[in-house]
Amino acid sequence: MRNRLVLLPGWGLGTAPLEPLAEALRGLDPHLHVQVEPLPLLVSSELDEWLDELDANLPEGAWLGGWSLGGMLAAELAARRAEQCPGLITLASNASFVASTDWPHAMAEEAFDLFRQGCAQNPVITLKRFAALCAQGAADQRGMARLMLGGAPHESGELLLASLDLLASLDTRAALQGFVGPQLHLYAGQDSLVPAEVAGDILALLGDVEVGLIDHVSHAFSLECPHELGAAIQGFLHEAGDD
């Protein structure tokens, strides 16, 4: 199944932001089977429980990829599956979403705490704010934010908080370093959630991987420029021998 790519979405907005990219990839390579898989509906923030659920439901032997939180989970699952995973592709995914002394290019802890408080108090308003942050830097920020919200699933506040706590706890550096398969990490130049500087940090951390930066696009670049993103992914898959 080395001609199958599974893409996992980010926090809160469901699979819709990845569908244009999946369609672009199918158009570029009819032999590539691309599926966008929703994240588990878990009220736990324990990583092992999330990985158990994903491991049980995602096809074996498939390339793993994802956007933002989905990319972080794909990295952890790729490390778990080891040689059973042909390769890893992440899109606007930080190694740690929340900043620390040894990983500064991320969201400040104070800002994340305020965001979480807002989600606990009013998840609907917080999701609207999150969509706006994802679209910040796009040519049509308002239109893109509305599009993402229109396709978002109606998850409970409890589910949103659990996945938000998971996001805060994740540090994928060990998983990325431990996975020996080919890796492609793509970033957005105008990303308001994952700084563009992360591209350099990931390259310095891993060395022998492919890292790309697409200028003038937002965190939601899978929705904003799916064909450009798809071409970069298809080219990488071809170079990796999985065309």
C-alpha atoms as a PDB file:
ATOM      1  CA  MET A   1       0.000   0.000   0.000  1.00  0.00           C
ATOM      2  CA  ARG A   2       2.933   2.323  -0.645  1.00  0.00           C
ATOM      3  CA  ASN A   3       0.676   4.116  -3.129  1.00  0.00           C
ATOM      4  CA  ARG A   4      -1.724   5.149  -0.342  1.00  0.00           C
ATOM      5  CA  LEU A   5      -1.489   8.407   1.596  1.00  0.00           C
ATOM      6  CA  VAL A   6      -3.544   9.063   4.711  1.00  0.00           C
ATOM      7  CA  LEU A   7      -3.958  12.697   5.757  1.00  0.00           C
ATOM      8  CA  LEU A   8      -5.061  13.713   9.246  1.00  0.00           C
ATOM      9  CA  PRO A   9      -6.697  17.109   9.898  1.00  0.00           C
ATOM     10  CA  GLY A  10      -5.907  19.749  12.474  1.00  0.00           C
ATOM     11  CA  TRP A  11      -7.728  20.823  15.604  1.00  0.00           C
ATOM     12  CA  GLY A  12     -11.425  21.608  15.577  1.00  0.00           C
ATOM     13  CA  LEU A  13     -12.133  22.198  11.881  1.00  0.00           C
ATOM     14  CA  GLY A  14     -12.560  18.627  10.652  1.00  0.00           C
ATOM     15  CA  THR A  15     -11.502  17.163   7.326  1.00  0.00           C
ATOM     16  CA  ALA A  16     -12.845  19.873   4.988  1.00  0.00           C
ATOM     17  CA  PRO A  17      -9.634  21.991   4.891  1.00  0.00           C
ATOM     18  CA  LEU A  18      -7.719  19.000   3.505  1.00  0.00           C
ATOM     19  CA  GLU A  19     -10.203  17.915   0.831  1.00  0.00           C
ATOM     20  CA  PRO A  20      -8.997  20.343  -1.894  1.00  0.00           C
ATOM     21  CA  LEU A  21      -5.451  19.075  -1.398  1.00  0.00           C
ATOM     22  CA  ALA A  22      -6.612  15.468  -1.598  1.00  0.00           C
ATOM     23  CA  GLU A  23      -8.434  16.234  -4.863  1.00  0.00           C
ATOM     24  CA  ALA A  24      -5.370  18.000  -6.255  1.00  0.00           C
ATOM     25  CA  LEU A  25      -3.191  14.985  -5.441  1.00  0.00           C
ATOM     26  CA  ARG A  26      -5.642  12.573  -7.063  1.00  0.00           C
ATOM     27  CA  GLY A  27      -5.620  14.733 -10.187  1.00  0.00           C
ATOM     28  CA  LEU A  28      -1.833  14.756 -10.309  1.00  0.00           C
ATOM     29  CA  ASP A  29      -1.519  10.990  -9.842  1.00  0.00           C
ATOM     30  CA  PRO A  30      -4.564   8.753 -10.463  1.00  0.00           C
ATOM     31  CA  HIS A  31      -2.620   5.809  -9.034  1.00  0.00           C
ATOM     32  CA  LEU A  32      -2.182   7.492  -5.651  1.00  0.00           C
ATOM     33  CA  HIS A  33      -4.959   6.635  -3.206  1.00  0.00           C
ATOM     34  CA  VAL A  34      -5.482   9.615  -0.913  1.00  0.00           C
ATOM     35  CA  GLN A  35      -7.812   9.470   2.056  1.00  0.00           C
ATOM     36  CA  VAL A  36      -8.541  12.206   4.579  1.00  0.00           C
ATOM     37  CA  GLU A  37      -9.283  10.558   7.894  1.00  0.00           C
ATOM     38  CA  PRO A  38     -11.020  12.404  10.758  1.00  0.00           C
ATOM     39  CA  LEU A  39      -9.310  12.555  14.116  1.00  0.00           C
ATOM     40  CA  PRO A  40     -10.574  10.215  16.839  1.00  0.00           C
ATOM     41  CA  LEU A  41     -13.442  11.481  18.994  1.00  0.00           C
ATOM     42  CA  LEU A  42     -11.774  11.020  22.361  1.00  0.00           C
ATOM     43  CA  VAL A  43     -12.295  12.877  25.625  1.00  0.00           C
ATOM     44  CA  SER A  44      -8.819  11.786  26.699  1.00  0.00           C
ATOM     45  CA  SER A  45      -5.680  13.831  26.097  1.00  0.00           C
ATOM     46  CA  GLU A  46      -3.381  10.803  26.536  1.00  0.00           C
ATOM     47  CA  LEU A  47      -1.232  10.368  23.445  1.00  0.00           C
ATOM     48  CA  ASP A  48      -1.114   6.565  23.654  1.00  0.00           C
ATOM     49  CA  GLU A  49      -4.910   6.365  23.553  1.00  0.00           C
ATOM     50  CA  TRP A  50      -4.991   8.532  20.434  1.00  0.00           C
ATOM     51  CA  LEU A  51      -2.276   6.475  18.769  1.00  0.00           C
ATOM     52  CA  ASP A  52      -4.021   3.214  19.672  1.00  0.00           C
ATOM     53  CA  GLU A  53      -7.212   4.481  18.032  1.00  0.00           C
ATOM     54  CA  LEU A  54      -5.418   5.714  14.922  1.00  0.00           C
ATOM     55  CA  ASP A  55      -3.289   2.578  14.621  1.00  0.00           C
ATOM     56  CA  ALA A  56      -6.368   0.376  14.782  1.00  0.00           C
ATOM     57  CA  ASN A  57      -8.294   2.325  12.135  1.00  0.00           C
ATOM     58  CA  LEU A  58      -5.758   3.533   9.590  1.00  0.00           C
ATOM     59  CA  PRO A  59      -4.575   1.195   6.809  1.00  0.00           C
ATOM     60  CA  GLU A  60      -1.263  -0.530   7.379  1.00  0.00           C
ATOM     61  CA  GLY A  61       1.606   0.231   5.050  1.00  0.00           C
ATOM     62  CA  ALA A  62       0.293   3.675   4.067  1.00  0.00           C
ATOM     63  CA  TRP A  63       2.191   6.935   3.941  1.00  0.00           C
ATOM     64  CA  LEU A  64       1.139   9.071   6.887  1.00  0.00           C
ATOM     65  CA  GLY A  65       0.608  12.801   6.748  1.00  0.00           C
ATOM     66  CA  GLY A  66      -1.351  15.571   8.325  1.00  0.00           C
ATOM     67  CA  TRP A  67      -2.002  19.246   8.865  1.00  0.00           C
ATOM     68  CA  SER A  68      -0.989  20.961  12.110  1.00  0.00           C
ATOM     69  CA  LEU A  69      -2.156  18.686  14.970  1.00  0.00           C
ATOM     70  CA  GLY A  70      -2.787  15.947  12.406  1.00  0.00           C
ATOM     71  CA  GLY A  71       0.814  16.146  11.250  1.00  0.00           C
ATOM     72  CA  MET A  72       2.062  15.849  14.810  1.00  0.00           C
ATOM     73  CA  LEU A  73      -0.051  12.740  15.341  1.00  0.00           C
ATOM     74  CA  ALA A  74       1.109  11.333  11.996  1.00  0.00           C
ATOM     75  CA  ALA A  75       4.722  11.783  13.134  1.00  0.00           C
ATOM     76  CA  GLU A  76       4.075   9.918  16.370  1.00  0.00           C
ATOM     77  CA  LEU A  77       2.249   7.099  14.580  1.00  0.00           C
ATOM     78  CA  ALA A  78       4.982   6.854  11.937  1.00  0.00           C
ATOM     79  CA  ALA A  79       7.554   6.432  14.699  1.00  0.00           C
ATOM     80  CA  ARG A  80       5.408   3.750  16.307  1.00  0.00           C
ATOM     81  CA  ARG A  81       4.888   1.873  13.038  1.00  0.00           C
ATOM     82  CA  ALA A  82       8.575   2.250  12.118  1.00  0.00           C
ATOM     83  CA  GLU A  83       9.455   0.314   8.945  1.00  0.00           C
ATOM     84  CA  GLN A  84       5.764  -0.459   8.393  1.00  0.00           C
ATOM     85  CA  CYS A  85       5.279   3.209   7.459  1.00  0.00           C
ATOM     86  CA  PRO A  86       6.803   4.115   4.058  1.00  0.00           C
ATOM     87  CA  GLY A  87       7.151   7.819   4.858  1.00  0.00           C
ATOM     88  CA  LEU A  88       5.854  10.933   6.596  1.00  0.00           C
ATOM     89  CA  ILE A  89       4.478  14.260   5.312  1.00  0.00           C
ATOM     90  CA  THR A  90       3.566  17.132   7.635  1.00  0.00           C
ATOM     91  CA  LEU A  91       1.866  20.406   6.716  1.00  0.00           C
ATOM     92  CA  ALA A  92       2.255  23.451   8.964  1.00  0.00           C
ATOM     93  CA  SER A  93       3.049  21.174  11.904  1.00  0.00           C
ATOM     94  CA  ASN A  94       5.319  22.302  14.694  1.00  0.00           C
ATOM     95  CA  ALA A  95       7.346  19.842  16.741  1.00  0.00           C
ATOM     96  CA  SER A  96       5.891  21.536  19.822  1.00  0.00           C
ATOM     97  CA  PHE A  97       2.875  23.819  19.439  1.00  0.00           C
ATOM     98  CA  VAL A  98       3.620  25.587  22.713  1.00  0.00           C
ATOM     99  CA  ALA A  99       6.932  27.374  23.107  1.00  0.00           C
ATOM    100  CA  SER A 100       9.610  26.313  25.585  1.00  0.00           C
ATOM    101  CA  THR A 101      13.137  27.432  26.364  1.00  0.00           C
ATOM    102  CA  ASP A 102      14.605  24.907  23.929  1.00  0.00           C
ATOM    103  CA  TRP A 103      11.890  25.334  21.263  1.00  0.00           C
ATOM    104  CA  PRO A 104      11.099  29.062  21.099  1.00  0.00           C
ATOM    105  CA  HIS A 105       9.403  29.315  17.687  1.00  0.00           C
ATOM    106  CA  ALA A 106       5.926  28.331  18.828  1.00  0.00           C
ATOM    107  CA  MET A 107       2.899  29.820  20.570  1.00  0.00           C
ATOM    108  CA  ALA A 108       3.675  31.468  23.896  1.00  0.00           C
ATOM    109  CA  GLU A 109       2.404  29.446  26.847  1.00  0.00           C
ATOM    110  CA  GLU A 110       0.444  32.429  28.176  1.00  0.00           C
ATOM    111  CA  ALA A 111      -1.328  32.888  24.834  1.00  0.00           C
ATOM    112  CA  PHE A 112      -2.186  29.199  24.663  1.00  0.00           C
ATOM    113  CA  ASP A 113      -3.571  29.256  28.226  1.00  0.00           C
ATOM    114  CA  LEU A 114      -5.826  32.204  27.336  1.00  0.00           C
ATOM    115  CA  PHE A 115      -7.001  30.375  24.222  1.00  0.00           C
ATOM    116  CA  ARG A 116      -7.813  27.281  26.262  1.00  0.00           C
ATOM    117  CA  GLN A 117      -9.730  29.353  28.809  1.00  0.00           C
ATOM    118  CA  GLY A 118     -11.757  30.830  25.973  1.00  0.00           C
ATOM    119  CA  CYS A 119     -12.526  27.364  24.644  1.00  0.00           C
ATOM    120  CA  ALA A 120     -13.705  26.217  28.063  1.00  0.00           C
ATOM    121  CA  GLN A 121     -15.979  29.260  28.397  1.00  0.00           C
ATOM    122  CA  ASN A 122     -17.340  29.476  24.850  1.00  0.00           C
ATOM    123  CA  PRO A 123     -16.158  26.863  22.330  1.00  0.00           C
ATOM    124  CA  VAL A 124     -18.240  28.307  19.467  1.00  0.00           C
ATOM    125  CA  ILE A 125     -16.640  31.746  19.661  1.00  0.00           C
ATOM    126  CA  THR A 126     -13.204  30.176  20.180  1.00  0.00           C
ATOM    127  CA  LEU A 127     -13.584  28.046  17.065  1.00  0.00           C
ATOM    128  CA  LYS A 128     -14.485  31.170  15.073  1.00  0.00           C
ATOM    129  CA  ARG A 129     -11.387  32.869  16.430  1.00  0.00           C
ATOM    130  CA  PHE A 130      -9.295  29.832  15.541  1.00  0.00           C
ATOM    131  CA  ALA A 131     -10.577  29.794  11.954  1.00  0.00           C
ATOM    132  CA  ALA A 132      -9.659  33.471  11.671  1.00  0.00           C
ATOM    133  CA  LEU A 133      -6.153  32.727  12.948  1.00  0.00           C
ATOM    134  CA  CYS A 134      -5.776  29.885  10.446  1.00  0.00           C
ATOM    135  CA  ALA A 135      -6.792  32.236   7.614  1.00  0.00           C
ATOM    136  CA  GLN A 136      -4.655  35.158   8.774  1.00  0.00           C
ATOM    137  CA  GLY A 137      -2.192  36.011   6.009  1.00  0.00           C
ATOM    138  CA  ALA A 138      -4.400  34.633   3.224  1.00  0.00           C
ATOM    139  CA  ALA A 139      -5.499  36.819   0.307  1.00  0.00           C
ATOM    140  CA  ASP A 140      -9.156  36.428   1.354  1.00  0.00           C
ATOM    141  CA  GLN A 141      -8.984  35.953   5.098  1.00  0.00           C
ATOM    142  CA  ARG A 142     -12.694  36.376   5.846  1.00  0.00           C
ATOM    143  CA  GLY A 143     -13.827  34.146   3.013  1.00  0.00           C
ATOM    144  CA  MET A 144     -11.417  31.395   3.960  1.00  0.00           C
ATOM    145  CA  ALA A 145     -12.378  31.555   7.638  1.00  0.00           C
ATOM    146  CA  ARG A 146     -16.073  31.275   6.712  1.00  0.00           C
ATOM    147  CA  LEU A 147     -15.312  28.347   4.438  1.00  0.00           C
ATOM    148  CA  MET A 148     -13.478  26.486   7.211  1.00  0.00           C
ATOM    149  CA  LEU A 149     -16.216  27.152   9.753  1.00  0.00           C
ATOM    150  CA  GLY A 150     -18.897  26.041   7.313  1.00  0.00           C
ATOM    151  CA  GLY A 151     -17.281  22.615   7.025  1.00  0.00           C
ATOM    152  CA  ALA A 152     -16.373  22.192  10.684  1.00  0.00           C
ATOM    153  CA  PRO A 153     -17.980  19.331  12.639  1.00  0.00           C
ATOM    154  CA  HIS A 154     -20.122  20.173  15.651  1.00  0.00           C
ATOM    155  CA  GLU A 155     -17.922  18.753  18.387  1.00  0.00           C
ATOM    156  CA  SER A 156     -18.698  19.146  22.073  1.00  0.00           C
ATOM    157  CA  GLY A 157     -16.658  21.457  24.245  1.00  0.00           C
ATOM    158  CA  GLU A 158     -15.339  18.409  26.085  1.00  0.00           C
ATOM    159  CA  LEU A 159     -13.960  16.893  22.883  1.00  0.00           C
ATOM    160  CA  LEU A 160     -12.417  20.186  21.785  1.00  0.00           C
ATOM    161  CA  LEU A 161     -10.720  20.671  25.140  1.00  0.00           C
ATOM    162  CA  ALA A 162      -9.343  17.123  25.171  1.00  0.00           C
ATOM    163  CA  SER A 163      -7.728  17.519  21.762  1.00  0.00           C
ATOM    164  CA  LEU A 164      -6.498  20.988  22.713  1.00  0.00           C
ATOM    165  CA  ASP A 165      -4.817  19.549  25.816  1.00  0.00           C
ATOM    166  CA  LEU A 166      -3.277  16.850  23.643  1.00  0.00           C
ATOM    167  CA  LEU A 167      -1.940  19.535  21.305  1.00  0.00           C
ATOM    168  CA  ALA A 168      -0.363  21.380  24.232  1.00  0.00           C
ATOM    169  CA  SER A 169       1.343  18.254  25.542  1.00  0.00           C
ATOM    170  CA  LEU A 170       2.818  16.986  22.271  1.00  0.00           C
ATOM    171  CA  ASP A 171       6.526  17.193  21.552  1.00  0.00           C
ATOM    172  CA  THR A 172       7.302  15.196  18.431  1.00  0.00           C
ATOM    173  CA  ARG A 173      11.058  15.794  18.289  1.00  0.00           C
ATOM    174  CA  ALA A 174      11.952  12.298  19.503  1.00  0.00           C
ATOM    175  CA  ALA A 175       9.452  10.708  17.107  1.00  0.00           C
ATOM    176  CA  LEU A 176      10.785  12.698  14.156  1.00  0.00           C
ATOM    177  CA  GLN A 177      14.366  11.805  15.010  1.00  0.00           C
ATOM    178  CA  GLY A 178      13.489   8.156  15.549  1.00  0.00           C
ATOM    179  CA  PHE A 179      11.604   7.629  12.289  1.00  0.00           C
ATOM    180  CA  VAL A 180      14.041   6.503   9.601  1.00  0.00           C
ATOM    181  CA  GLY A 181      11.728   6.718   6.580  1.00  0.00           C
ATOM    182  CA  PRO A 182      11.632   9.670   4.168  1.00  0.00           C
ATOM    183  CA  GLN A 183      10.121  12.868   5.565  1.00  0.00           C
ATOM    184  CA  LEU A 184       8.695  16.004   3.965  1.00  0.00           C
ATOM    185  CA  HIS A 185       7.797  18.993   6.146  1.00  0.00           C
ATOM    186  CA  LEU A 186       6.072  21.956   4.490  1.00  0.00           C
ATOM    187  CA  TYR A 187       5.451  25.351   6.082  1.00  0.00           C
ATOM    188  CA  ALA A 188       3.588  28.556   5.245  1.00  0.00           C
ATOM    189  CA  GLY A 189       5.343  31.895   5.067  1.00  0.00           C
ATOM    190  CA  GLN A 190       2.471  33.919   6.595  1.00  0.00           C
ATOM    191  CA  ASP A 191       1.431  31.355   9.206  1.00  0.00           C
ATOM    192  CA  SER A 192       0.125  33.021  12.384  1.00  0.00           C
ATOM    193  CA  LEU A 193       0.116  29.788  14.411  1.00  0.00           C
ATOM    194  CA  VAL A 194       3.299  27.962  13.375  1.00  0.00           C
ATOM    195  CA  PRO A 195       6.097  30.474  12.698  1.00  0.00           C
ATOM    196  CA  ALA A 196       7.933  30.171   9.390  1.00  0.00           C
ATOM    197  CA  GLU A 197      11.185  29.921  11.376  1.00  0.00           C
ATOM    198  CA  VAL A 198      10.160  26.385  12.340  1.00  0.00           C
ATOM    199  CA  ALA A 199      11.225  25.247   8.858  1.00  0.00           C
ATOM    200  CA  GLY A 200      14.828  26.045   9.745  1.00  0.00           C
ATOM    201  CA  ASP A 201      14.483  24.536  13.209  1.00  0.00           C
ATOM    202  CA  ILE A 202      13.210  21.239  11.780  1.00  0.00           C
ATOM    203  CA  LEU A 203      15.999  21.122   9.212  1.00  0.00           C
ATOM    204  CA  ALA A 204      18.580  21.756  11.946  1.00  0.00           C
ATOM    205  CA  LEU A 205      16.991  19.095  14.150  1.00  0.00           C
ATOM    206  CA  LEU A 206      16.729  16.369  11.523  1.00  0.00           C
ATOM    207  CA  GLY A 207      19.215  17.194   8.796  1.00  0.00           C
ATOM    208  CA  ASP A 208      18.501  14.556   6.168  1.00  0.00           C
ATOM    209  CA  VAL A 209      14.855  15.392   5.418  1.00  0.00           C
ATOM    210  CA  GLU A 210      13.023  17.552   2.899  1.00  0.00           C
ATOM    211  CA  VAL A 211      11.763  20.873   4.257  1.00  0.00           C
ATOM    212  CA  GLY A 212       9.899  23.469   2.200  1.00  0.00           C
ATOM    213  CA  LEU A 213       8.467  26.938   2.787  1.00  0.00           C
ATOM    214  CA  ILE A 214       5.689  28.368   0.620  1.00  0.00           C
ATOM    215  CA  ASP A 215       5.719  32.157   0.842  1.00  0.00           C
ATOM    216  CA  HIS A 216       2.693  34.464   1.101  1.00  0.00           C
ATOM    217  CA  VAL A 217       0.232  31.820   2.325  1.00  0.00           C
ATOM    218  CA  SER A 218      -1.525  31.196   5.633  1.00  0.00           C
ATOM    219  CA  HIS A 219      -1.707  28.311   8.078  1.00  0.00           C
ATOM    220  CA  ALA A 220      -4.643  27.067   5.996  1.00  0.00           C
ATOM    221  CA  PHE A 221      -2.486  26.646   2.893  1.00  0.00           C
ATOM    222  CA  SER A 222      -3.973  23.236   2.130  1.00  0.00           C
ATOM    223  CA  LEU A 223      -7.165  25.166   1.353  1.00  0.00           C
ATOM    224  CA  GLU A 224      -5.474  28.270  -0.021  1.00  0.00           C
ATOM    225  CA  CYS A 225      -3.032  26.742  -2.539  1.00  0.00           C
ATOM    226  CA  PRO A 226      -3.900  23.020  -2.839  1.00  0.00           C
ATOM    227  CA  HIS A 227      -2.373  22.603  -6.310  1.00  0.00           C
ATOM    228  CA  GLU A 228       0.975  24.131  -5.374  1.00  0.00           C
ATOM    229  CA  LEU A 229       1.060  22.062  -2.206  1.00  0.00           C
ATOM    230  CA  GLY A 230      -0.033  18.950  -4.081  1.00  0.00           C
ATOM    231  CA  ALA A 231       2.719  19.404  -6.664  1.00  0.00           C
ATOM    232  CA  ALA A 232       5.344  19.609  -3.906  1.00  0.00           C
ATOM    233  CA  ILE A 233       4.002  16.440  -2.272  1.00  0.00           C
ATOM    234  CA  GLN A 234       3.691  14.539  -5.558  1.00  0.00           C
ATOM    235  CA  GLY A 235       7.235  15.471  -6.497  1.00  0.00           C
ATOM    236  CA  PHE A 236       8.504  14.248  -3.166  1.00  0.00           C
ATOM    237  CA  LEU A 237       6.623  10.947  -3.467  1.00  0.00           C
ATOM    238  CA  HIS A 238       8.066  10.491  -6.950  1.00  0.00           C
ATOM    239  CA  GLU A 239      11.600  11.106  -5.713  1.00  0.00           C
ATOM    240  CA  ALA A 240      11.024   8.656  -2.872  1.00  0.00           C
ATOM    241  CA  GLY A 241      10.167   5.978  -5.422  1.00  0.00           C
ATOM    242  CA  ASP A 242       6.450   5.799  -4.702  1.00  0.00           C
ATOM    243  CA  ASP A 243       5.121   7.358  -7.861  1.00  0.00           C
END
